[in-house]
């Protein structure tokens, strides 16, 4: 089972991320909130691809706190939410 951190970014994006990030950022430390475990379990149970996007990722890159988490669901987001 892939952890949410492992499924967070496709390999191509990780390469670009590593190229432009000023320092290596340990993504796992940013994914400790219990919601990520729940999302990971739900994604595995439904066979759904999900990714963290938006301001949460931006704030990690800028090394600042974030109060919201945006995800994108590959497929039917409504069904995933239900």
Protein backbone atom coordinates (compact mmCIF):
# COMPACT_ATOMS: atom_id res chain seq x y z
CA UNK A 1 0.00 0.00 0.00
CA UNK A 2 1.40 3.39 -0.98
CA UNK A 3 1.41 6.05 1.69
CA UNK A 4 -0.23 9.35 0.90
CA UNK A 5 3.23 10.93 0.76
CA UNK A 6 4.32 8.37 -1.84
CA UNK A 7 1.27 9.01 -4.01
CA UNK A 8 1.35 12.79 -3.50
CA UNK A 9 3.26 13.73 -6.63
CA UNK A 10 3.87 11.83 -9.86
CA UNK A 11 7.54 11.08 -10.59
CA UNK A 12 7.81 13.79 -13.27
CA UNK A 13 6.55 16.46 -10.88
CA UNK A 14 8.88 15.25 -8.14
CA UNK A 15 11.81 15.77 -10.54
CA UNK A 16 10.72 19.33 -11.29
CA UNK A 17 9.97 19.91 -7.62
CA UNK A 18 13.47 18.77 -6.63
CA UNK A 19 15.01 20.97 -9.31
CA UNK A 20 13.29 24.15 -8.15
CA UNK A 21 12.92 23.60 -4.41
CA UNK A 22 15.64 25.59 -2.59
CA UNK A 23 16.24 22.67 -0.20
CA UNK A 24 15.04 19.10 -0.07
CA UNK A 25 11.64 19.12 1.60
CA UNK A 26 10.62 16.03 3.54
CA UNK A 27 7.01 15.71 2.41
CA UNK A 28 6.16 13.07 5.01
CA UNK A 29 6.55 15.59 7.83
CA UNK A 30 3.91 17.77 6.15
CA UNK A 31 1.45 14.89 5.86
CA UNK A 32 1.03 14.01 9.54
CA UNK A 33 -2.50 15.34 9.94
CA UNK A 34 -4.98 12.46 10.54
CA UNK A 35 -6.98 13.48 7.45
CA UNK A 36 -4.16 12.21 5.22
CA UNK A 37 -4.38 8.74 6.75
CA UNK A 38 -8.16 8.73 6.20
CA UNK A 39 -7.78 9.94 2.61
CA UNK A 40 -5.13 7.29 1.96
CA UNK A 41 -7.36 4.52 3.32
CA UNK A 42 -10.33 5.75 1.30
CA UNK A 43 -8.29 6.06 -1.89
CA UNK A 44 -6.96 2.51 -1.45
CA UNK A 45 -10.41 1.11 -0.70
CA UNK A 46 -11.96 2.73 -3.77
CA UNK A 47 -8.98 2.43 -6.12
CA UNK A 48 -8.99 6.20 -6.59
CA UNK A 49 -6.03 8.45 -7.38
CA UNK A 50 -5.93 11.62 -5.27
CA UNK A 51 -3.35 14.38 -5.02
CA UNK A 52 -2.73 17.32 -2.71
CA UNK A 53 -2.78 20.55 -4.73
CA UNK A 54 -3.04 24.30 -4.41
CA UNK A 55 -2.18 26.46 -1.47
CA UNK A 56 -1.10 23.61 0.78
CA UNK A 57 1.67 22.64 -1.64
CA UNK A 58 2.57 26.30 -2.23
CA UNK A 59 2.85 26.89 1.50
CA UNK A 60 5.15 23.89 1.91
CA UNK A 61 7.41 25.31 -0.81
CA UNK A 62 7.37 28.72 0.88
CA UNK A 63 7.93 27.14 4.31
CA UNK A 64 4.87 28.70 5.88
CA UNK A 65 1.85 27.27 7.72
CA UNK A 66 -1.32 26.40 5.86
CA UNK A 67 -4.85 26.20 7.24
CA UNK A 68 -6.55 24.36 4.39
CA UNK A 69 -5.88 21.27 2.31
CA UNK A 70 -7.03 20.97 -1.29
CA UNK A 71 -7.14 17.63 -3.07
CA UNK A 72 -7.95 16.64 -6.61
CA UNK A 73 -9.67 13.33 -7.31
CA UNK A 74 -8.94 11.55 -10.57
CA UNK A 75 -12.36 10.27 -11.52
CA UNK A 76 -15.67 10.89 -9.81
CA UNK A 77 -15.03 13.34 -6.96
CA UNK A 78 -18.67 13.28 -5.81
CA UNK A 79 -18.66 9.49 -5.48
CA UNK A 80 -15.33 9.66 -3.61
CA UNK A 81 -16.79 12.23 -1.19
CA UNK A 82 -19.87 10.13 -0.50
